[in-house]
Structures are given as C-alpha cells and as structure tokens.
Protein backbone atom coordinates (compact mmCIF):
# COMPACT_ATOMS: atom_id res chain seq x y z
CA MET A 1 11.61 11.55 1.77
CA THR A 2 9.41 14.12 1.27
CA GLY A 3 5.79 14.38 -0.33
CA GLN A 4 4.69 17.83 -1.92
CA ALA A 5 7.10 19.79 0.35
CA GLY A 6 9.91 18.35 -1.83
CA MET A 7 8.57 20.10 -5.20
CA ALA A 8 8.02 23.55 -4.26
CA GLY A 9 9.53 26.35 -6.01
CA TYR A 10 10.98 24.50 -8.62
CA PRO A 11 12.16 26.62 -12.11
CA PRO A 12 9.76 26.11 -15.44
CA THR A 13 12.81 23.96 -17.05
CA VAL A 14 15.52 21.97 -15.98
CA LEU A 15 18.36 19.94 -17.93
CA ILE A 16 20.31 17.53 -16.47
CA LYS A 17 23.02 16.26 -18.56
CA PRO A 18 23.95 12.66 -17.64
CA ILE A 19 27.74 11.47 -17.56
CA GLU A 20 27.48 9.09 -19.67
CA VAL A 21 24.82 8.71 -22.46
CA ASN A 22 22.74 5.86 -21.69
CA PRO A 23 23.16 3.64 -25.22
CA GLU A 24 19.11 2.99 -25.54
CA ARG A 25 19.17 6.98 -26.17
CA ALA A 26 20.26 7.04 -29.71
CA LYS A 27 17.13 4.82 -30.41
CA TYR A 28 14.68 7.51 -29.47
CA GLU A 29 16.13 10.38 -30.58
CA LYS A 30 15.41 8.97 -34.29
CA LEU A 31 12.41 8.02 -32.86
CA TRP A 32 10.71 11.13 -31.75
CA GLN A 33 11.56 12.57 -35.26
CA ARG A 34 9.12 10.02 -36.81
CA GLU A 35 5.11 11.33 -36.44
CA GLU A 36 4.30 7.54 -36.62
CA TYR A 37 5.50 6.87 -33.48
CA ARG A 38 4.37 9.94 -31.94
CA ARG A 39 0.63 9.25 -32.60
CA VAL A 40 -0.05 7.26 -29.96
CA ALA A 41 0.86 7.92 -26.55
CA PRO A 42 0.10 5.37 -23.36
CA GLY A 43 0.36 8.03 -20.60
CA GLU A 44 -2.70 9.39 -22.01
CA HIS A 45 -5.11 6.17 -22.19
CA TRP A 46 -3.58 5.47 -18.64
CA ALA A 47 -4.50 8.81 -16.83
CA MET A 48 -7.74 8.02 -15.69
CA THR A 49 -7.01 4.90 -13.81
CA PHE A 50 -3.99 6.30 -12.29
CA LEU A 51 -6.19 9.15 -11.13
CA ALA A 52 -8.71 6.74 -10.06
CA GLN A 53 -6.74 4.28 -8.00
CA ALA A 54 -4.56 7.56 -6.07
CA ARG A 55 -7.07 9.40 -5.54
CA VAL A 56 -4.86 12.37 -5.50
CA GLU A 57 -5.61 15.87 -3.57
CA PRO A 58 -5.26 19.30 -5.72
CA ASP A 59 -1.73 20.34 -6.22
CA ALA A 60 -0.58 17.19 -5.46
CA ASP A 61 3.08 16.31 -6.63
CA VAL A 62 3.73 13.60 -9.21
CA VAL A 63 6.78 12.57 -11.66
CA ASP A 64 5.94 11.15 -14.97
CA PHE A 65 8.99 8.67 -15.41
CA GLY A 66 9.89 8.13 -19.03
CA CYS A 67 7.09 11.04 -20.39
CA GLY A 68 7.75 10.42 -23.50
CA THR A 69 5.18 13.10 -25.89
CA GLY A 70 4.60 14.69 -21.88
CA ARG A 71 0.45 14.03 -23.28
CA GLY A 72 0.11 11.92 -20.42
CA GLY A 73 1.37 14.44 -17.94
CA LEU A 74 -0.72 17.44 -19.11
CA VAL A 75 -3.64 15.39 -18.54
CA LEU A 76 -2.77 14.55 -15.52
CA ALA A 77 -2.38 18.51 -15.08
CA LEU A 78 -5.11 19.45 -16.28
CA LEU A 79 -7.95 16.88 -15.64
CA GLY A 80 -5.98 15.76 -12.17
CA LYS A 81 -4.87 18.94 -10.89
CA MET A 82 -1.41 17.95 -9.69
CA ARG A 83 2.23 19.39 -10.55
CA VAL A 84 4.02 17.44 -12.58
CA THR A 85 7.18 17.25 -13.37
CA LEU A 86 7.57 15.24 -17.07
CA LEU A 87 11.28 13.35 -16.77
CA ASP A 88 12.83 12.13 -19.96
CA PHE A 89 16.36 11.28 -21.05
CA VAL A 90 16.00 12.37 -24.83
CA PRO A 91 14.74 16.53 -24.86
CA GLY A 92 13.00 16.37 -27.88
CA CYS A 93 11.00 13.95 -26.68
CA LEU A 94 8.18 16.48 -25.79
CA ASP A 95 4.71 17.12 -28.41
CA GLU A 96 4.86 21.13 -29.21
CA GLU A 97 2.22 22.13 -27.09
CA VAL A 98 3.41 20.39 -23.76
CA ALA A 99 6.42 21.89 -24.31
CA GLN A 100 5.06 25.37 -24.39
CA ALA A 101 2.70 24.58 -21.40
CA CYS A 102 6.14 24.45 -19.68
CA GLU A 103 6.96 27.34 -20.40
CA THR A 104 3.68 29.65 -19.89
CA GLN A 105 2.76 27.06 -16.76
CA PRO A 106 6.13 26.63 -14.96
CA THR A 107 4.14 25.89 -11.66
CA ARG A 108 1.95 23.58 -12.95
CA ILE A 109 3.94 21.39 -15.42
CA ARG A 110 7.91 21.34 -15.87
CA PHE A 111 10.57 18.91 -17.81
CA VAL A 112 13.84 17.47 -16.69
CA GLN A 113 16.32 15.58 -18.46
CA ALA A 114 17.32 12.54 -16.76
CA ASP A 115 18.52 8.74 -16.90
CA LEU A 116 16.15 6.29 -15.28
CA THR A 117 18.89 4.01 -14.76
CA LYS A 118 20.64 6.42 -12.93
CA THR A 119 20.10 7.84 -9.38
CA LEU A 120 17.10 10.63 -9.83
CA PRO A 121 16.95 14.53 -9.04
CA VAL A 122 13.35 14.75 -8.47
CA SER A 123 11.14 13.63 -5.25
CA ALA A 124 7.58 13.28 -4.98
CA ALA A 125 4.43 12.17 -3.18
CA TYR A 126 3.20 10.36 -6.50
CA GLY A 127 4.81 8.48 -9.82
CA TYR A 128 3.31 7.66 -13.19
CA CYS A 129 5.02 5.26 -15.46
CA CYS A 130 3.61 4.06 -18.63
CA ASP A 131 4.98 2.02 -21.50
CA VAL A 132 8.48 2.67 -20.01
CA MET A 133 9.34 -0.69 -18.28
CA GLU A 134 9.28 -2.84 -21.38
CA HIS A 135 11.57 -0.82 -23.03
CA ILE A 136 14.31 -1.25 -20.09
CA PRO A 137 17.34 -4.19 -20.53
CA THR A 138 15.93 -6.83 -18.05
CA ALA A 139 19.26 -6.66 -16.38
CA ASP A 140 18.33 -2.66 -15.10
CA VAL A 141 15.08 -3.03 -14.68
CA PRO A 142 15.58 -3.64 -10.76
CA ALA A 143 18.23 -0.47 -10.74
CA VAL A 144 15.47 1.64 -12.49
CA LEU A 145 12.59 0.61 -10.23
CA ARG A 146 14.62 1.27 -7.27
CA ASN A 147 15.22 4.88 -8.88
CA ILE A 148 11.60 5.28 -9.12
CA ILE A 149 10.81 4.21 -5.67
CA ALA A 150 12.98 5.95 -3.85
CA SER A 151 12.17 9.18 -5.74
CA ALA A 152 7.91 8.10 -5.96
CA GLN A 153 6.39 7.48 -2.48
CA HIS A 154 3.25 5.90 -4.33
CA CYS A 155 3.56 4.47 -8.06
CA PHE A 156 1.56 3.88 -10.79
CA PHE A 157 2.87 1.69 -13.43
CA ALA A 158 1.22 0.37 -16.96
CA ILE A 159 3.34 -1.98 -18.74
CA SER A 160 3.31 -3.78 -22.39
CA THR A 161 3.81 -7.74 -21.86
CA VAL A 162 3.81 -8.24 -26.17
CA ASP A 163 6.56 -7.21 -28.46
CA ASP A 164 6.38 -3.41 -29.93
CA VAL A 165 5.82 -3.33 -33.40
CA MET A 166 7.36 0.39 -33.99
CA GLY A 167 10.90 -0.70 -33.94
CA GLU A 168 10.56 -1.64 -37.51
CA LEU A 169 10.77 2.01 -38.22
CA ILE A 170 14.36 2.35 -37.44
CA GLY A 171 15.08 -1.25 -37.78
CA GLU A 172 15.53 -1.90 -33.88
CA THR A 173 14.01 -3.76 -31.14
CA LEU A 174 12.19 -1.33 -28.58
CA HIS A 175 10.51 -4.00 -25.59
CA LEU A 176 13.69 -5.25 -24.20
CA THR A 177 11.73 -7.03 -21.06
CA VAL A 178 8.81 -8.44 -22.59
CA LYS A 179 7.48 -10.54 -19.26
CA PRO A 180 4.25 -11.00 -17.51
CA MET A 181 2.00 -9.54 -15.05
CA ALA A 182 3.20 -11.86 -12.44
CA TRP A 183 6.93 -11.18 -13.04
CA TRP A 184 6.37 -7.53 -12.70
CA VAL A 185 4.51 -7.55 -9.65
CA ASP A 186 7.39 -10.20 -7.93
CA GLN A 187 10.15 -7.82 -9.27
CA ILE A 188 8.18 -4.25 -7.64
CA THR A 189 7.95 -6.49 -4.14
CA LYS A 190 11.63 -7.62 -4.03
CA ILE A 191 12.34 -3.96 -3.69
CA GLY A 192 9.83 -3.68 -0.50
CA ALA A 193 6.95 -2.16 -2.45
CA VAL A 194 3.19 -2.62 -1.23
CA VAL A 195 1.41 -3.66 -4.03
CA HIS A 196 -2.68 -2.19 -3.54
CA TRP A 197 -3.68 -2.85 -7.10
CA SER A 198 -2.97 -4.50 -10.45
CA GLU A 199 -5.15 -5.30 -13.42
CA GLU A 200 -3.92 -7.51 -16.50
CA LYS A 201 -5.18 -6.97 -19.93
CA PRO A 202 -4.78 -8.40 -23.11
CA GLY A 203 -0.97 -7.37 -24.14
CA ALA A 204 -0.54 -4.83 -20.59
CA CYS A 205 -1.30 -4.50 -17.11
CA ALA A 206 -1.02 -2.06 -14.63
CA ILE A 207 0.22 -2.15 -10.80
CA TYR A 208 -0.31 0.52 -8.25
CA CYS A 209 1.81 0.31 -5.34
CA THR A 210 3.36 2.36 -2.49
CA ALA A 211 7.00 2.15 -1.27
CA TRP A 212 9.28 4.06 1.40
CA ARG A 213 12.82 3.79 1.71
CA ASP A 214 12.46 1.75 4.46
CA ALA A 215 9.33 -0.03 2.94
CA SER A 216 10.97 -3.73 3.12
CA GLU A 217 11.05 -2.77 7.06
CA VAL A 218 8.02 -1.69 7.48
CA VAL A 219 6.47 -4.87 5.95
CA LYS A 220 8.57 -6.90 8.18
CA ILE A 221 7.78 -5.00 11.55
CA GLY A 222 6.66 -7.30 14.14
CA HIS A 223 7.37 -10.09 16.30
CA ILE A 224 6.20 -13.44 16.28
CA ASN A 225 4.81 -14.91 19.62
CA THR A 226 5.16 -18.84 18.95
CA ASP A 227 8.55 -20.72 17.94
CA VAL A 228 9.35 -20.02 14.64
CA ALA A 229 9.45 -23.59 13.40
CA ILE A 230 5.81 -24.32 14.40
CA VAL A 231 4.77 -20.55 12.46
CA ASP A 232 6.48 -21.96 9.90
CA GLU A 233 5.07 -25.70 9.50
CA GLN A 234 1.42 -23.88 9.95
CA ILE A 235 2.02 -21.63 7.24
CA ALA A 236 2.75 -24.86 5.07
CA THR A 237 -0.60 -26.65 6.41
CA ASN A 238 -2.31 -24.09 5.57
CA ILE A 239 -1.21 -22.86 2.06
CA ARG A 240 -1.01 -26.50 1.08
CA ALA A 241 -4.73 -27.14 1.89
CA GLY A 242 -6.15 -25.34 -1.08
CA TRP A 243 -7.57 -22.06 0.70
CA ALA A 244 -7.80 -18.63 -1.93
CA HIS A 245 -5.46 -15.94 -1.23
CA VAL A 246 -5.65 -11.92 -0.76
CA GLN A 247 -5.44 -10.43 -4.10
CA PRO A 248 -5.20 -6.12 -4.80
CA HIS A 249 -8.32 -4.87 -5.69
CA ASP A 250 -10.32 -1.72 -7.01
CA ARG A 251 -10.42 1.22 -4.89
CA GLN A 252 -13.99 1.79 -3.42
CA ASP A 253 -15.72 4.46 -1.01
CA ARG A 254 -17.85 2.12 1.27
CA GLU A 255 -16.72 3.23 4.19
CA VAL A 256 -15.66 0.60 6.88
CA VAL A 257 -16.13 0.23 10.76
CA VAL A 258 -13.13 -1.72 12.53
CA LEU A 259 -13.58 -3.10 16.00
CA ALA A 260 -9.87 -3.28 17.41
CA GLY A 261 -11.25 -4.66 20.78
CA GLY A 262 -10.05 -1.83 22.94
CA PRO A 263 -12.33 -1.29 26.20
CA SER A 264 -13.96 2.12 24.54
CA MET A 265 -15.94 0.25 22.08
CA ASN A 266 -18.25 -0.54 24.77
CA SER A 267 -18.95 3.58 25.48
CA GLN A 268 -19.32 3.74 21.12
CA LEU A 269 -22.05 0.85 20.59
CA ASP A 270 -24.86 3.50 18.98
CA LYS A 271 -22.24 5.23 16.70
CA ILE A 272 -21.23 1.65 15.66
CA ARG A 273 -24.97 1.20 14.93
CA GLU A 274 -25.38 4.35 13.23
CA LEU A 275 -22.26 4.04 10.63
CA ARG A 276 -23.43 0.46 10.37
CA ALA A 277 -27.43 1.46 9.38
CA GLY A 278 -25.68 4.41 6.96
CA GLY A 279 -24.18 1.18 4.97
CA ALA A 280 -20.58 0.78 6.17
CA ALA A 281 -19.03 -2.57 6.62
CA LEU A 282 -18.25 -4.08 9.71
CA VAL A 283 -14.96 -5.34 10.28
CA THR A 284 -13.76 -7.12 13.21
CA CYS A 285 -10.73 -8.36 14.58
CA ASN A 286 -10.19 -11.23 17.21
CA GLY A 287 -12.47 -11.29 19.62
CA ALA A 288 -14.17 -8.20 18.67
CA TYR A 289 -16.21 -10.66 16.53
CA GLY A 290 -17.44 -12.26 19.59
CA TRP A 291 -18.51 -8.95 21.11
CA ALA A 292 -20.02 -7.88 17.92
CA LEU A 293 -22.44 -10.57 17.55
CA GLU A 294 -23.06 -10.68 21.27
CA HIS A 295 -24.74 -7.02 20.32
CA GLY A 296 -26.54 -7.85 17.42
CA LEU A 297 -24.30 -6.62 15.24
CA GLU A 298 -24.04 -8.38 11.75
CA VAL A 299 -19.71 -9.01 10.77
CA SER A 300 -18.94 -8.16 6.97
CA ALA A 301 -15.41 -9.73 7.39
CA GLN A 302 -13.57 -11.30 10.71
CA ILE A 303 -9.50 -10.82 10.73
CA VAL A 304 -7.48 -13.32 12.66
CA LEU A 305 -3.60 -13.30 12.65
CA ASP A 306 -2.31 -14.98 15.82
CA ALA A 307 -0.56 -18.08 15.57
CA ARG A 308 -1.71 -19.99 18.68
CA ALA A 309 -4.32 -22.50 18.88
CA PHE A 310 -6.24 -20.92 21.51
CA ASN A 311 -7.22 -18.38 19.01
CA SER A 312 -9.43 -20.57 16.89
CA ARG A 313 -12.11 -19.24 19.26
CA PHE A 314 -12.43 -16.05 17.21
CA THR A 315 -13.78 -17.81 14.27
CA LYS A 316 -16.83 -19.73 16.08
CA PRO A 317 -19.69 -19.43 15.36
CA VAL A 318 -19.33 -19.41 11.52
CA MET A 319 -21.72 -16.58 10.57
CA PRO A 320 -24.35 -17.10 7.09
CA LEU A 321 -22.63 -13.87 5.62
CA THR A 322 -19.60 -13.20 7.08
CA LYS A 323 -16.28 -13.49 5.28
CA TYR A 324 -12.97 -14.77 6.98
CA LEU A 325 -9.47 -13.03 6.63
CA ILE A 326 -7.17 -15.53 8.10
CA ALA A 327 -3.16 -15.07 8.00
CA SER A 328 -1.57 -18.11 6.77
CA GLN A 329 0.37 -18.36 9.86
CA VAL A 330 -2.50 -19.42 12.15
CA HIS A 331 -3.08 -23.14 14.08
CA PRO A 332 -5.09 -24.74 11.11
CA SER A 333 -7.91 -25.16 13.86
CA THR A 334 -8.94 -21.75 13.22
CA LEU A 335 -9.74 -22.31 9.86
CA GLU A 336 -11.36 -25.75 10.88
CA GLY A 337 -15.15 -25.17 9.79
CA LEU A 338 -14.81 -22.06 7.83
CA PRO A 339 -16.44 -21.39 4.34
CA ARG A 340 -14.17 -21.73 1.64
CA GLU A 341 -16.14 -19.29 -0.91
CA ARG A 342 -16.01 -16.57 2.24
CA THR A 343 -12.39 -17.47 3.43
CA LEU A 344 -9.02 -15.92 2.33
CA LEU A 345 -5.76 -16.44 3.47
CA TRP A 346 -3.14 -13.14 3.90
CA HIS A 347 0.68 -13.35 4.39
CA THR A 348 2.70 -11.12 6.93
CA GLY A 349 5.84 -11.68 5.43
CA LEU A 350 7.57 -12.53 9.12
CA VAL A 351 8.66 -16.00 7.55
CA GLU A 352 10.86 -15.93 4.48
CA SER A 353 9.66 -19.42 3.59
CA THR A 354 6.05 -17.95 3.48
CA GLU A 355 7.15 -16.46 -0.19
CA ARG A 356 8.55 -19.36 -1.81
CA LEU A 357 5.42 -21.64 -0.61
CA VAL A 358 2.73 -19.14 -1.68
CA ARG A 359 4.57 -18.64 -4.86
CA GLU A 360 4.81 -22.10 -5.80
CA ALA A 361 0.65 -22.16 -4.75
CA THR A 362 -0.71 -19.07 -6.99
CA GLY A 363 2.02 -17.35 -8.66
CA HIS A 364 2.64 -14.44 -6.81
CA PHE A 365 2.93 -12.92 -3.39
CA PHE A 366 1.27 -10.09 -2.36
CA PRO A 367 2.57 -9.47 1.66
CA ILE A 368 0.88 -7.25 4.13
CA PRO A 369 2.83 -4.73 5.94
CA GLY A 370 1.98 -2.69 8.84
CA GLY A 371 3.36 -4.18 12.38
CA SER A 372 3.50 -6.52 15.37
CA THR A 373 -0.59 -6.24 15.91
CA ILE A 374 -3.83 -7.64 14.09
CA VAL A 375 -4.88 -3.95 14.27
CA LEU A 376 -1.90 -2.39 12.50
CA ARG A 377 -1.93 -4.93 10.05
CA SER A 378 -5.52 -4.59 9.16
CA ILE A 379 -5.04 -1.03 7.82
CA ALA A 380 -2.81 -2.78 5.05
CA LEU A 381 -5.13 -5.18 4.64
CA LEU A 382 -8.41 -3.50 4.14
CA ARG A 383 -6.27 -1.19 2.16
CA MET A 384 -4.94 -3.82 -0.62
CA LEU A 385 -8.74 -5.01 -0.53
CA GLY A 386 -9.59 -1.45 -2.22
CA TYR A 387 -11.10 0.04 1.28
CA TRP A 388 -9.48 3.45 2.34
CA ARG A 389 -12.31 4.78 4.76
CA LEU A 390 -11.47 3.33 8.19
CA HIS A 391 -13.60 4.06 11.24
CA PHE A 392 -11.86 2.22 14.07
CA PHE A 393 -13.32 1.84 17.56
CA GLY A 394 -11.38 0.21 20.63
CA PHE A 395 -7.82 1.28 18.92
CA ASP A 396 -7.11 2.28 22.07
CA SER A 397 -3.32 1.23 22.84
CA CYS A 398 -3.85 1.45 26.64
CA VAL A 399 -5.43 0.21 29.68
CA MET A 400 -8.56 2.42 31.04
CA PRO A 401 -8.52 3.41 34.70
CA ASP A 402 -10.61 0.75 35.54
CA GLY A 403 -8.09 -2.08 34.08
CA ALA A 404 -9.83 -2.71 31.62
CA HIS A 405 -7.50 -3.76 28.25
CA HIS A 406 -10.38 -5.22 26.17
CA ALA A 407 -13.96 -4.53 25.76
CA TYR A 408 -14.63 -8.37 26.84
CA ALA A 409 -12.72 -10.77 28.97
CA GLN A 410 -9.25 -12.11 27.25
CA PRO A 411 -7.69 -13.51 30.34
CA GLU A 412 -4.39 -13.86 28.41
CA ASN A 413 -3.83 -9.97 28.50
CA ASP A 414 -4.79 -10.43 32.59
CA ASN A 415 -1.78 -9.54 34.65
CA GLU A 416 0.63 -7.52 32.23
CA VAL A 417 3.26 -5.64 33.16
CA LEU A 418 1.87 -1.63 32.36
CA ILE A 419 4.23 0.82 31.63
CA PRO A 420 3.15 4.54 31.99
CA VAL A 421 3.24 6.91 29.00
CA THR A 422 3.27 10.67 28.37
CA CYS A 423 1.23 11.75 26.05
CA GLY A 424 0.01 15.59 25.05
CA GLY A 425 0.24 16.00 28.31
CA ARG A 426 -1.84 12.93 29.70
CA THR A 427 -0.74 10.18 31.43
CA PHE A 428 -1.74 6.29 30.00
CA GLU A 429 -0.81 3.11 31.33
CA CYS A 430 0.10 0.65 28.25
CA THR A 431 1.03 -3.16 28.20
CA PRO A 432 4.90 -3.52 26.06
CA TRP A 433 2.92 -4.74 22.96
CA MET A 434 0.37 -1.87 23.43
CA LEU A 435 2.98 0.64 23.42
CA SER A 436 4.88 -0.79 20.62
CA GLN A 437 1.71 -0.67 18.80
CA ALA A 438 1.46 2.98 19.21
CA SER A 439 4.69 3.23 18.16
CA GLU A 440 4.73 1.67 15.02
CA PHE A 441 0.97 3.42 14.15
CA ARG A 442 3.22 6.32 13.66
CA ASP A 443 5.58 4.30 10.77
CA VAL A 444 2.71 2.79 9.44
CA VAL A 445 0.66 6.06 8.67
CA LYS A 446 3.67 7.69 7.33
CA PHE A 447 4.17 4.59 4.90
CA LEU A 448 0.45 5.05 3.97
CA GLY A 449 0.13 7.97 3.72
CA ASP A 450 -2.74 9.74 1.68
CA GLU A 451 -3.76 6.08 0.85
CA VAL A 452 -5.76 5.89 3.85
CA GLU A 453 -8.55 8.07 5.85
CA LEU A 454 -8.66 6.85 9.07
CA ALA A 455 -11.42 8.35 11.87
CA VAL A 456 -10.39 6.87 15.48
CA TYR A 457 -13.05 6.60 18.04
CA GLY A 458 -12.59 6.88 21.56
CA ASP A 459 -10.03 8.58 24.37
CA GLY A 460 -7.24 5.88 24.54
CA LEU A 461 -3.75 6.89 23.53
CA ILE A 462 -4.09 6.25 19.78
CA ALA A 463 -6.88 9.07 19.50
CA ASN A 464 -4.82 11.66 21.80
CA MET A 465 -1.97 11.12 19.55
CA ILE A 466 -3.81 11.96 17.13
CA ALA A 467 -5.78 14.85 18.37
CA THR A 468 -2.26 16.36 19.88
CA GLY A 469 0.36 15.20 17.28
CA ALA A 470 2.38 14.49 20.50
CA SER A 471 5.17 12.36 20.58
CA LEU A 472 5.16 9.54 23.84
CA SER A 473 7.63 8.75 26.60
CA THR A 474 7.66 7.07 29.35
CA LYS A 475 7.86 8.74 33.01
CA GLU A 476 11.22 7.43 33.31
CA GLN A 477 12.65 9.17 29.67
C-alpha cells in the first residue's frame, strides 16, 4: 500500500456501480431528499479533532468514508489543505456546493461511489469516518472495518453510541449497531489496528488508529527470552496485583529524549543536557536509567520490558519524580517498591492470554507493537502516550570498535557472537539481536509512518541507515 502516491492523477469524479445493491441504500436515498437530515453533518464537527490528532502535512490524501453531505471532507480540503476523496454508496448525498467543488477543484476533492461492505477501489494515507459505523449492521462491522483499514493506513473514527432520532422521518431504524466505546475499540484492535488516541463523550466516541496490511504481524514481531509458561504466570500475577494500565492520550508537542543504552550516549552527554534544559522530557530504557542518574539527569520516565528477574535492578533506586512504564510480563520483583500513582503497565501482545486478563481487569486492551527490543517498543508506547517528537541517543544497534555494546557495564551481553553487517558502504559489528533490531526498525517506521518524527544521534548502524537510506547485509551475503 502506498500513501499519497496512490492517489496521484485521479479523475475529478468516479462513479463505481456496485454489482449487488446494498439493501440499506434505499433508506438513505430517501433521507438525502429530506432537508432535516442534511442539516447536521457530524463530519464538520469532528474535522478539527482529526486534524489535531493526525498532524497531517499539506497535500496529504484522505478518504472520507461514508461522506454524506461532504461538508466534513470539504473542511479537510480547505483547512487541512488535504486532497480529499469523498466516498458514499448514495450518489445524491453531496450538498450542492460540495458537488460543485468536485467539478471545479478536481485536484483537491472528488467523489467516488462505493459500498463499504465491499472491497474499496481507493487508498490513502489517512481515513476519516464520522457518523457511519453505527449505521452498519452488526454482522457487517468486521468486514467494513477491514475494508476501511485496508484502504487507509491511519484512520479517524467518530461513532454515535446512542439510538438515532432521524429514522422516524422515513419510519426506519438508522443506528443498527449501538455499542459503547470499549466495544468499538475491541473491534478495531481485533483486526490488527493500534489505537493511538480515543475519547468518549456523551452519546459518541472518537478513535484514531494506525494499521497496515500486516499490522497484526507488526504487533507480534519479536521473541521472548523467558519460557512462555513463566511469562504467562508473571503477566497474570502483575495484572491481578491491581496496577494501572497505559491508555491512549492526546497528541502533545513536548519533545522527548530517549536514552536507549548504546555506547554512543557517552559522547552525546552535552547534547542530552541541552535538550533537557530546553524542556524535553527524558525517558530511559533498562540500564540507561542508572546511567542517567549517575550523570545527574532527572528521569521523567523509565521503561522496562525484559521478563527476567535480574532486570529488577532497572527500577532501583526509585526516584520521587519519575514515572515507571513497566511491561506486564516483567518479573514481579521489578515492580516491588514502585509508587502506584506513578507506575503503569503496558502489554506486548506476545502472550495470547494477556488480552483476556487485561480485558477482565480493565474492559479494554491496547497492545504496544514494535519489535523484539525495548527501544523499538518505546516508539509505539510513547506515541500512544501522545509523544511523537523523539530524540534517540544510544540507539546504535552495533558494537563499537573498542568492543563496547552499552554505555555502561552490562555483563549479560558480554561475549556475544558478532556478525559483520554492511550498510551504506560501511561495515558494523552486530550481535544477532542488534541485527534483528535494525531490520525490525524499518518495519516499525513503515508501520507508524508520519505518526512520529525521529532523530537518531551518534554514528551507529541505525543512524547510518537513516542517513544513507541503505539496506543492510552480512559480508557472507
């Protein structure tokens, strides 16, 4: 799937006749002839919320799924400066001024007739779907969500959670799937999408998510270095202990410095302090926590993923202003002594029983995708918490010429096998997990797309990959 490139050169208006007419279409052919029904356009109401969450660039492509009057899409074209495809199964739904815009400004806005229950003939980087899903028969909801997600990598949904009041105009029921937000989040995550943000309001909810064709596989990339039965038991113990859980938050512009632990951190201390003094939050991963404290840096949040008991040292000492973002799979000793008001569990989705346990405890499940290492997972975790402007230090994914694999002593990684890797004309020495991390990094970036902005400092393999756009291979290859 491509983003904006997939929309280039489209004609001003495309009418695609479905082979089988959706029986629901007759309702709306009647309703769009009623001025009372046209009066309110939810797409107009939610447009600015979508733009705030998506942070779209000018000329980004968006499909307005179930566009109705088209006024919502028109706002996206005018205020968001987006290239808009309006999609609906009733050709007479558009307001007159919107239909005229499709004719006079075909490079900015167009209409496509298509049925959401069928495979869709459009694709874009973004999707916008307001006041639509509640009109879908419940049995068709999974198929419609899959069709939408297959057509738009990042999608905003606004859904009514109450019965309709306009069906009486024609003696019909319009809202066929009236469910709470938790149910809709469940449906969206089941098809492999990752929820970045959600909001529940009286009578409605909004959800912003990201997916790709292989989204469910991205979520489950990685491996567990502890026996699955042990991890399963630790997850159950930690969830039942009553800790709070990570949930999606509003996007915010505060920058974040992430310390990944690689040896190049030692040469970047001045830059780290400069960004911290400028107001950036400081997030550490595993042993980078102790390194930061030793260098007099105040840690905003510490992230821990590994399930092995010896990683409990990564949450000691407990600092008075630090938040602790701890994977539910960790050994319970990692959570010992942590302040409940500043500690949140997050979930990898690598163990199938996790979802059931989390749903029993909280009513929802927001897995964190991203690969086999803590640094890769931190990208999606921080995005879910609203942070998207990320500065990475020590994200090297290689061993330095002096043999250093971390900025500090970490004997567990001593004497690992080294593999020579060529990237952009340079050769790097990598352990197997470092090579896997570098490869998975490309998948994570592809998955999240424009949802994050990353700056990687230092002269390691990851920074070199970004600078050269090169592929990587072993010398043997």
